[in-house]
Amino acid sequence: MEKEIAQLLKCLKIEYALLWVLCLVLIVLYEYDILPQGIFTDDVRTGYMLQVCGILLAVGLIPLSLRLFSLSLTKYVRTLPLVEAVKSYRRWNEVRVCLLLVAALVNLSVYYWTMDTTGVLCAGMVLVASLFCVPGRERVVSELDLQRNEERAQ
């Protein structure tokens, strides 16, 4: 069981770090003019619609990603056998990180396309929300109820 948990933690940490790395790569691509900046600064309507979409993505996906993961744990993952629970836990964590990644990348792009700080603020909110998803051994053990399962086995 220790080996599965160690492997799970390794994968979760890599996926979490990938969220931050992809955001930084996108920022670098825009800052070094590899991707175009300010393409919608003159078009007020398009800029407004992009900002509204970015805000709605951030406001919708942050609570969805955090709450959906919590609901899946309480209603589904904890009822599975250990091996399947670990796989399902990883899959739901990947879904959560992907939802946050989409919101962060879209809002960073909206910022660079419109040059309005609304996109940066929304991307910042998403990245702060991602801090609630930092994987750790104690967290995995508590969320999968592994302590309770170990006590039952003894």
N, C-alpha and C. Protein backbone atom coordinates (compact mmCIF):
# COMPACT_ATOMS: atom_id res chain seq x y z
N MET A 1 0.82 -1.19 0.00
CA MET A 1 0.00 0.00 0.00
C MET A 1 0.87 1.27 0.00
N GLU A 2 1.97 1.22 0.70
CA GLU A 2 2.86 2.38 0.76
C GLU A 2 3.40 2.73 -0.62
N LYS A 3 3.67 1.70 -1.41
CA LYS A 3 4.20 1.93 -2.75
C LYS A 3 3.17 2.64 -3.62
N GLU A 4 1.90 2.23 -3.53
CA GLU A 4 0.85 2.86 -4.32
C GLU A 4 0.66 4.32 -3.91
N ILE A 5 0.71 4.58 -2.62
CA ILE A 5 0.54 5.95 -2.14
C ILE A 5 1.71 6.81 -2.58
N ALA A 6 2.92 6.29 -2.51
CA ALA A 6 4.10 7.04 -2.95
C ALA A 6 4.02 7.36 -4.44
N GLN A 7 3.59 6.37 -5.22
CA GLN A 7 3.45 6.61 -6.67
C GLN A 7 2.35 7.63 -6.94
N LEU A 8 1.24 7.52 -6.24
CA LEU A 8 0.14 8.47 -6.40
C LEU A 8 0.60 9.88 -6.07
N LEU A 9 1.30 10.03 -4.97
CA LEU A 9 1.79 11.36 -4.58
C LEU A 9 2.76 11.92 -5.61
N LYS A 10 3.61 11.09 -6.14
CA LYS A 10 4.56 11.54 -7.17
C LYS A 10 3.81 12.08 -8.38
N CYS A 11 2.82 11.32 -8.84
CA CYS A 11 2.03 11.75 -10.01
C CYS A 11 1.25 13.02 -9.72
N LEU A 12 0.64 13.10 -8.55
CA LEU A 12 -0.14 14.29 -8.20
C LEU A 12 0.73 15.53 -8.11
N LYS A 13 1.92 15.38 -7.55
CA LYS A 13 2.82 16.53 -7.45
C LYS A 13 3.30 16.99 -8.82
N ILE A 14 3.56 16.05 -9.71
CA ILE A 14 3.97 16.40 -11.08
C ILE A 14 2.85 17.14 -11.79
N GLU A 15 1.63 16.63 -11.66
CA GLU A 15 0.48 17.27 -12.32
C GLU A 15 0.23 18.65 -11.75
N TYR A 16 0.38 18.81 -10.44
CA TYR A 16 0.17 20.11 -9.82
C TYR A 16 1.25 21.10 -10.27
N ALA A 17 2.49 20.64 -10.31
CA ALA A 17 3.58 21.51 -10.76
C ALA A 17 3.38 21.90 -12.22
N LEU A 18 2.82 21.00 -13.01
CA LEU A 18 2.57 21.27 -14.41
C LEU A 18 1.59 22.43 -14.59
N LEU A 19 0.62 22.54 -13.69
CA LEU A 19 -0.32 23.67 -13.71
C LEU A 19 0.44 24.99 -13.64
N TRP A 20 1.33 25.11 -12.71
CA TRP A 20 2.09 26.35 -12.54
C TRP A 20 3.09 26.56 -13.68
N VAL A 21 3.72 25.48 -14.13
CA VAL A 21 4.71 25.60 -15.20
C VAL A 21 4.05 26.05 -16.49
N LEU A 22 2.89 25.49 -16.82
CA LEU A 22 2.20 25.90 -18.05
C LEU A 22 1.77 27.36 -17.99
N CYS A 23 1.34 27.82 -16.83
CA CYS A 23 0.99 29.23 -16.69
C CYS A 23 2.22 30.12 -16.89
N LEU A 24 3.34 29.71 -16.32
CA LEU A 24 4.57 30.49 -16.49
C LEU A 24 5.06 30.46 -17.93
N VAL A 25 4.94 29.33 -18.60
CA VAL A 25 5.34 29.23 -20.00
C VAL A 25 4.49 30.15 -20.86
N LEU A 26 3.18 30.19 -20.60
CA LEU A 26 2.31 31.08 -21.36
C LEU A 26 2.69 32.54 -21.14
N ILE A 27 3.00 32.90 -19.92
CA ILE A 27 3.41 34.27 -19.62
C ILE A 27 4.70 34.61 -20.37
N VAL A 28 5.66 33.70 -20.35
CA VAL A 28 6.93 33.93 -21.04
C VAL A 28 6.70 34.07 -22.54
N LEU A 29 5.83 33.23 -23.11
CA LEU A 29 5.55 33.32 -24.54
C LEU A 29 4.95 34.67 -24.91
N TYR A 30 4.07 35.19 -24.08
CA TYR A 30 3.49 36.50 -24.36
C TYR A 30 4.49 37.62 -24.11
N GLU A 31 5.26 37.52 -23.05
CA GLU A 31 6.20 38.60 -22.72
C GLU A 31 7.33 38.73 -23.73
N TYR A 32 7.74 37.63 -24.35
CA TYR A 32 8.79 37.69 -25.35
C TYR A 32 8.24 37.82 -26.77
N ASP A 33 6.98 38.20 -26.88
CA ASP A 33 6.31 38.47 -28.17
C ASP A 33 6.32 37.27 -29.12
N ILE A 34 6.34 36.09 -28.57
CA ILE A 34 6.18 34.90 -29.40
C ILE A 34 4.70 34.74 -29.75
N LEU A 35 3.84 35.02 -28.78
CA LEU A 35 2.40 35.09 -29.01
C LEU A 35 1.99 36.56 -29.05
N PRO A 36 1.01 36.91 -29.86
CA PRO A 36 0.67 38.34 -30.03
C PRO A 36 -0.03 38.93 -28.80
N GLN A 37 0.33 40.15 -28.48
CA GLN A 37 -0.29 40.89 -27.38
C GLN A 37 -1.18 41.99 -27.92
N GLY A 38 -2.20 42.33 -27.18
CA GLY A 38 -3.03 43.49 -27.49
C GLY A 38 -3.82 43.40 -28.77
N ILE A 39 -4.20 42.22 -29.19
CA ILE A 39 -4.89 42.10 -30.47
C ILE A 39 -6.34 42.59 -30.40
N PHE A 40 -6.90 42.70 -29.20
CA PHE A 40 -8.27 43.18 -29.05
C PHE A 40 -8.36 44.49 -28.26
N THR A 41 -7.28 45.25 -28.20
CA THR A 41 -7.32 46.50 -27.45
C THR A 41 -8.20 47.55 -28.13
N ASP A 42 -8.28 47.52 -29.44
CA ASP A 42 -9.10 48.50 -30.17
C ASP A 42 -10.56 48.09 -30.26
N ASP A 43 -10.84 46.81 -30.17
CA ASP A 43 -12.21 46.31 -30.30
C ASP A 43 -12.82 46.18 -28.90
N VAL A 44 -13.57 47.20 -28.50
CA VAL A 44 -14.11 47.28 -27.15
C VAL A 44 -15.12 46.16 -26.88
N ARG A 45 -15.98 45.88 -27.82
CA ARG A 45 -17.00 44.85 -27.62
C ARG A 45 -16.40 43.46 -27.45
N THR A 46 -15.46 43.13 -28.30
CA THR A 46 -14.82 41.82 -28.20
C THR A 46 -14.02 41.72 -26.90
N GLY A 47 -13.34 42.79 -26.55
CA GLY A 47 -12.61 42.80 -25.29
C GLY A 47 -13.52 42.61 -24.09
N TYR A 48 -14.67 43.27 -24.12
CA TYR A 48 -15.63 43.13 -23.04
C TYR A 48 -16.15 41.70 -22.95
N MET A 49 -16.48 41.11 -24.10
CA MET A 49 -17.00 39.74 -24.10
C MET A 49 -15.93 38.75 -23.62
N LEU A 50 -14.69 38.95 -24.01
CA LEU A 50 -13.62 38.08 -23.54
C LEU A 50 -13.44 38.19 -22.03
N GLN A 51 -13.52 39.41 -21.53
CA GLN A 51 -13.39 39.60 -20.08
C GLN A 51 -14.53 38.96 -19.32
N VAL A 52 -15.75 39.10 -19.85
CA VAL A 52 -16.91 38.47 -19.20
C VAL A 52 -16.75 36.95 -19.21
N CYS A 53 -16.33 36.40 -20.33
CA CYS A 53 -16.12 34.95 -20.39
C CYS A 53 -15.04 34.50 -19.41
N GLY A 54 -13.98 35.27 -19.30
CA GLY A 54 -12.92 34.94 -18.35
C GLY A 54 -13.40 34.99 -16.91
N ILE A 55 -14.18 36.02 -16.59
CA ILE A 55 -14.73 36.13 -15.24
C ILE A 55 -15.66 34.97 -14.94
N LEU A 56 -16.53 34.65 -15.89
CA LEU A 56 -17.47 33.55 -15.67
C LEU A 56 -16.73 32.21 -15.54
N LEU A 57 -15.68 32.03 -16.32
CA LEU A 57 -14.89 30.81 -16.18
C LEU A 57 -14.27 30.71 -14.79
N ALA A 58 -13.68 31.79 -14.33
CA ALA A 58 -13.04 31.77 -13.02
C ALA A 58 -14.07 31.58 -11.91
N VAL A 59 -15.15 32.34 -11.98
CA VAL A 59 -16.16 32.26 -10.92
C VAL A 59 -16.88 30.92 -10.95
N GLY A 60 -17.01 30.32 -12.12
CA GLY A 60 -17.69 29.04 -12.21
C GLY A 60 -16.80 27.84 -11.93
N LEU A 61 -15.58 27.87 -12.45
CA LEU A 61 -14.73 26.69 -12.35
C LEU A 61 -14.01 26.56 -11.01
N ILE A 62 -13.77 27.66 -10.32
CA ILE A 62 -13.10 27.55 -9.02
C ILE A 62 -13.97 26.76 -8.04
N PRO A 63 -15.20 27.20 -7.77
CA PRO A 63 -16.00 26.41 -6.82
C PRO A 63 -16.36 25.03 -7.35
N LEU A 64 -16.56 24.93 -8.67
CA LEU A 64 -16.89 23.63 -9.25
C LEU A 64 -15.76 22.64 -9.03
N SER A 65 -14.55 23.06 -9.29
CA SER A 65 -13.42 22.14 -9.15
C SER A 65 -13.21 21.73 -7.70
N LEU A 66 -13.35 22.66 -6.79
CA LEU A 66 -13.14 22.33 -5.38
C LEU A 66 -14.29 21.50 -4.82
N ARG A 67 -15.50 21.87 -5.13
CA ARG A 67 -16.68 21.17 -4.59
C ARG A 67 -16.91 19.82 -5.27
N LEU A 68 -16.69 19.74 -6.56
CA LEU A 68 -16.87 18.49 -7.28
C LEU A 68 -15.95 17.41 -6.74
N PHE A 69 -14.73 17.78 -6.45
CA PHE A 69 -13.77 16.83 -5.91
C PHE A 69 -14.22 16.36 -4.53
N SER A 70 -14.70 17.27 -3.72
CA SER A 70 -15.17 16.92 -2.39
C SER A 70 -16.37 15.98 -2.46
N LEU A 71 -17.30 16.28 -3.35
CA LEU A 71 -18.48 15.42 -3.49
C LEU A 71 -18.12 14.04 -4.01
N SER A 72 -17.19 13.98 -4.95
CA SER A 72 -16.80 12.68 -5.49
C SER A 72 -16.12 11.84 -4.41
N LEU A 73 -15.39 12.48 -3.50
CA LEU A 73 -14.74 11.74 -2.43
C LEU A 73 -15.76 11.14 -1.49
N THR A 74 -16.72 11.96 -1.06
CA THR A 74 -17.66 11.49 -0.05
C THR A 74 -18.66 10.49 -0.60
N LYS A 75 -19.04 10.63 -1.85
CA LYS A 75 -20.10 9.77 -2.39
C LYS A 75 -19.59 8.59 -3.20
N TYR A 76 -18.38 8.67 -3.72
CA TYR A 76 -17.97 7.64 -4.66
C TYR A 76 -16.64 6.98 -4.29
N VAL A 77 -15.61 7.76 -4.15
CA VAL A 77 -14.26 7.21 -4.03
C VAL A 77 -14.08 6.41 -2.75
N ARG A 78 -14.63 6.89 -1.65
CA ARG A 78 -14.44 6.20 -0.37
C ARG A 78 -15.16 4.85 -0.30
N THR A 79 -16.08 4.62 -1.19
CA THR A 79 -16.81 3.35 -1.19
C THR A 79 -16.10 2.26 -1.98
N LEU A 80 -15.09 2.63 -2.74
CA LEU A 80 -14.39 1.68 -3.61
C LEU A 80 -13.32 0.91 -2.84
N PRO A 81 -12.92 -0.26 -3.36
CA PRO A 81 -11.74 -0.93 -2.80
C PRO A 81 -10.50 -0.05 -2.99
N LEU A 82 -9.47 -0.32 -2.22
CA LEU A 82 -8.32 0.58 -2.15
C LEU A 82 -7.66 0.84 -3.49
N VAL A 83 -7.41 -0.20 -4.28
CA VAL A 83 -6.72 -0.02 -5.56
C VAL A 83 -7.55 0.84 -6.50
N GLU A 84 -8.84 0.58 -6.58
CA GLU A 84 -9.72 1.37 -7.44
C GLU A 84 -9.91 2.77 -6.88
N ALA A 85 -9.92 2.90 -5.56
CA ALA A 85 -10.07 4.22 -4.94
C ALA A 85 -8.88 5.12 -5.26
N VAL A 86 -7.69 4.54 -5.28
CA VAL A 86 -6.49 5.33 -5.60
C VAL A 86 -6.56 5.81 -7.04
N LYS A 87 -6.97 4.93 -7.96
CA LYS A 87 -7.09 5.33 -9.37
C LYS A 87 -8.16 6.41 -9.54
N SER A 88 -9.28 6.24 -8.88
CA SER A 88 -10.36 7.22 -8.99
C SER A 88 -9.96 8.54 -8.36
N TYR A 89 -9.26 8.47 -7.24
CA TYR A 89 -8.77 9.69 -6.57
C TYR A 89 -7.86 10.45 -7.50
N ARG A 90 -6.95 9.77 -8.17
CA ARG A 90 -6.03 10.42 -9.10
C ARG A 90 -6.80 11.05 -10.27
N ARG A 91 -7.77 10.31 -10.81
CA ARG A 91 -8.55 10.82 -11.94
C ARG A 91 -9.32 12.08 -11.54
N TRP A 92 -9.97 12.07 -10.37
CA TRP A 92 -10.72 13.25 -9.94
C TRP A 92 -9.78 14.42 -9.65
N ASN A 93 -8.60 14.13 -9.15
CA ASN A 93 -7.63 15.21 -8.92
C ASN A 93 -7.16 15.80 -10.23
N GLU A 94 -6.98 14.96 -11.25
CA GLU A 94 -6.60 15.45 -12.58
C GLU A 94 -7.70 16.32 -13.16
N VAL A 95 -8.95 15.93 -12.96
CA VAL A 95 -10.07 16.74 -13.45
C VAL A 95 -10.06 18.10 -12.76
N ARG A 96 -9.83 18.10 -11.47
CA ARG A 96 -9.80 19.36 -10.71
C ARG A 96 -8.68 20.27 -11.21
N VAL A 97 -7.49 19.72 -11.38
CA VAL A 97 -6.37 20.53 -11.84
C VAL A 97 -6.60 21.03 -13.27
N CYS A 98 -7.19 20.20 -14.11
CA CYS A 98 -7.48 20.62 -15.50
C CYS A 98 -8.50 21.75 -15.54
N LEU A 99 -9.51 21.69 -14.71
CA LEU A 99 -10.49 22.78 -14.66
C LEU A 99 -9.82 24.09 -14.26
N LEU A 100 -8.96 24.02 -13.26
CA LEU A 100 -8.25 25.23 -12.84
C LEU A 100 -7.26 25.70 -13.91
N LEU A 101 -6.63 24.76 -14.60
CA LEU A 101 -5.68 25.11 -15.64
C LEU A 101 -6.37 25.83 -16.79
N VAL A 102 -7.52 25.34 -17.20
CA VAL A 102 -8.26 25.99 -18.29
C VAL A 102 -8.62 27.42 -17.91
N ALA A 103 -9.14 27.60 -16.71
CA ALA A 103 -9.51 28.95 -16.27
C ALA A 103 -8.29 29.87 -16.19
N ALA A 104 -7.18 29.37 -15.70
CA ALA A 104 -5.98 30.20 -15.58
C ALA A 104 -5.43 30.58 -16.96
N LEU A 105 -5.32 29.62 -17.86
CA LEU A 105 -4.75 29.90 -19.18
C LEU A 105 -5.65 30.84 -19.99
N VAL A 106 -6.96 30.63 -19.92
CA VAL A 106 -7.87 31.51 -20.64
C VAL A 106 -7.77 32.93 -20.10
N ASN A 107 -7.75 33.09 -18.80
CA ASN A 107 -7.70 34.43 -18.23
C ASN A 107 -6.35 35.12 -18.47
N LEU A 108 -5.27 34.36 -18.48
CA LEU A 108 -3.99 34.96 -18.84
C LEU A 108 -4.00 35.41 -20.30
N SER A 109 -4.57 34.61 -21.16
CA SER A 109 -4.66 34.99 -22.57
C SER A 109 -5.56 36.21 -22.76
N VAL A 110 -6.67 36.25 -22.02
CA VAL A 110 -7.57 37.41 -22.10
C VAL A 110 -6.83 38.67 -21.68
N TYR A 111 -6.02 38.56 -20.65
CA TYR A 111 -5.25 39.73 -20.22
C TYR A 111 -4.32 40.21 -21.34
N TYR A 112 -3.58 39.29 -21.93
CA TYR A 112 -2.63 39.72 -22.96
C TYR A 112 -3.32 40.14 -24.25
N TRP A 113 -4.50 39.63 -24.52
CA TRP A 113 -5.23 40.05 -25.72
C TRP A 113 -5.86 41.42 -25.55
N THR A 114 -6.38 41.69 -24.36
CA THR A 114 -7.10 42.96 -24.14
C THR A 114 -6.25 43.99 -23.40
N MET A 115 -5.20 43.55 -22.75
CA MET A 115 -4.33 44.41 -21.94
C MET A 115 -5.14 45.10 -20.83
N ASP A 116 -6.13 44.41 -20.32
CA ASP A 116 -6.95 44.88 -19.20
C ASP A 116 -6.68 43.95 -18.02
N THR A 117 -6.53 44.51 -16.85
CA THR A 117 -6.10 43.73 -15.69
C THR A 117 -7.14 42.76 -15.16
N THR A 118 -8.33 42.76 -15.70
CA THR A 118 -9.35 41.82 -15.26
C THR A 118 -8.89 40.38 -15.43
N GLY A 119 -8.25 40.09 -16.54
CA GLY A 119 -7.76 38.74 -16.79
C GLY A 119 -6.70 38.31 -15.80
N VAL A 120 -5.82 39.22 -15.43
CA VAL A 120 -4.77 38.89 -14.45
C VAL A 120 -5.39 38.63 -13.08
N LEU A 121 -6.37 39.43 -12.71
CA LEU A 121 -7.01 39.23 -11.41
C LEU A 121 -7.72 37.88 -11.35
N CYS A 122 -8.41 37.52 -12.42
CA CYS A 122 -9.10 36.22 -12.45
C CYS A 122 -8.09 35.08 -12.46
N ALA A 123 -7.03 35.22 -13.23
CA ALA A 123 -5.99 34.18 -13.24
C ALA A 123 -5.35 34.07 -11.87
N GLY A 124 -5.16 35.18 -11.21
CA GLY A 124 -4.62 35.16 -9.84
C GLY A 124 -5.55 34.44 -8.88
N MET A 125 -6.85 34.68 -9.02
CA MET A 125 -7.81 33.97 -8.17
C MET A 125 -7.73 32.47 -8.40
N VAL A 126 -7.60 32.07 -9.65
CA VAL A 126 -7.53 30.64 -9.97
C VAL A 126 -6.26 30.03 -9.38
N LEU A 127 -5.15 30.74 -9.50
CA LEU A 127 -3.89 30.21 -8.98
C LEU A 127 -3.89 30.17 -7.45
N VAL A 128 -4.54 31.14 -6.82
CA VAL A 128 -4.67 31.08 -5.37
C VAL A 128 -5.57 29.90 -4.98
N ALA A 129 -6.64 29.68 -5.72
CA ALA A 129 -7.51 28.54 -5.45
C ALA A 129 -6.76 27.22 -5.63
N SER A 130 -5.79 27.20 -6.53
CA SER A 130 -5.03 25.97 -6.74
C SER A 130 -4.18 25.62 -5.52
N LEU A 131 -3.92 26.59 -4.67
CA LEU A 131 -3.17 26.30 -3.44
C LEU A 131 -3.97 25.40 -2.50
N PHE A 132 -5.28 25.33 -2.68
CA PHE A 132 -6.10 24.42 -1.89
C PHE A 132 -5.99 22.98 -2.41
N CYS A 133 -5.30 22.80 -3.51
CA CYS A 133 -5.18 21.48 -4.14
C CYS A 133 -3.78 20.90 -4.03
N VAL A 134 -2.92 21.50 -3.23
CA VAL A 134 -1.54 21.02 -3.12
C VAL A 134 -1.56 19.60 -2.55
N PRO A 135 -0.98 18.64 -3.28
CA PRO A 135 -1.01 17.26 -2.80
C PRO A 135 0.00 17.04 -1.68
N GLY A 136 -0.39 16.23 -0.74
CA GLY A 136 0.49 15.86 0.37
C GLY A 136 0.09 14.51 0.94
N ARG A 137 1.00 13.87 1.59
CA ARG A 137 0.75 12.53 2.12
C ARG A 137 -0.39 12.53 3.14
N GLU A 138 -0.35 13.46 4.06
CA GLU A 138 -1.40 13.51 5.10
C GLU A 138 -2.77 13.74 4.47
N ARG A 139 -2.80 14.58 3.47
CA ARG A 139 -4.06 14.88 2.80
C ARG A 139 -4.62 13.65 2.10
N VAL A 140 -3.78 12.93 1.38
CA VAL A 140 -4.23 11.73 0.67
C VAL A 140 -4.73 10.69 1.66
N VAL A 141 -3.99 10.50 2.75
CA VAL A 141 -4.38 9.51 3.75
C VAL A 141 -5.72 9.88 4.38
N SER A 142 -5.90 11.16 4.68
CA SER A 142 -7.16 11.56 5.31
C SER A 142 -8.33 11.52 4.32
N GLU A 143 -8.11 11.93 3.09
CA GLU A 143 -9.20 11.97 2.12
C GLU A 143 -9.63 10.58 1.67
N LEU A 144 -8.72 9.64 1.66
CA LEU A 144 -9.08 8.28 1.29
C LEU A 144 -9.44 7.41 2.49
N ASP A 145 -9.43 7.99 3.69
CA ASP A 145 -9.72 7.26 4.93
C ASP A 145 -8.82 6.04 5.10
N LEU A 146 -7.55 6.20 4.79
CA LEU A 146 -6.63 5.07 4.88
C LEU A 146 -6.31 4.71 6.33
N GLN A 147 -6.37 5.68 7.24
CA GLN A 147 -6.12 5.38 8.65
C GLN A 147 -7.22 4.47 9.19
N ARG A 148 -8.45 4.78 8.82
CA ARG A 148 -9.57 3.97 9.27
C ARG A 148 -9.50 2.56 8.68
N ASN A 149 -9.08 2.48 7.42
CA ASN A 149 -8.94 1.16 6.78
C ASN A 149 -7.82 0.34 7.42
N GLU A 150 -6.73 1.00 7.81
CA GLU A 150 -5.63 0.31 8.47
C GLU A 150 -6.06 -0.20 9.85
N GLU A 151 -6.86 0.61 10.56
CA GLU A 151 -7.35 0.19 11.88
C GLU A 151 -8.28 -1.01 11.76
N ARG A 152 -9.09 -1.06 10.71
CA ARG A 152 -9.99 -2.20 10.49
C ARG A 152 -9.19 -3.46 10.19
N ALA A 153 -8.10 -3.32 9.44
CA ALA A 153 -7.29 -4.48 9.07
C ALA A 153 -6.57 -5.08 10.26
N GLN A 154 -6.27 -4.27 11.26
CA GLN A 154 -5.55 -4.77 12.44
C GLN A 154 -6.52 -5.35 13.39
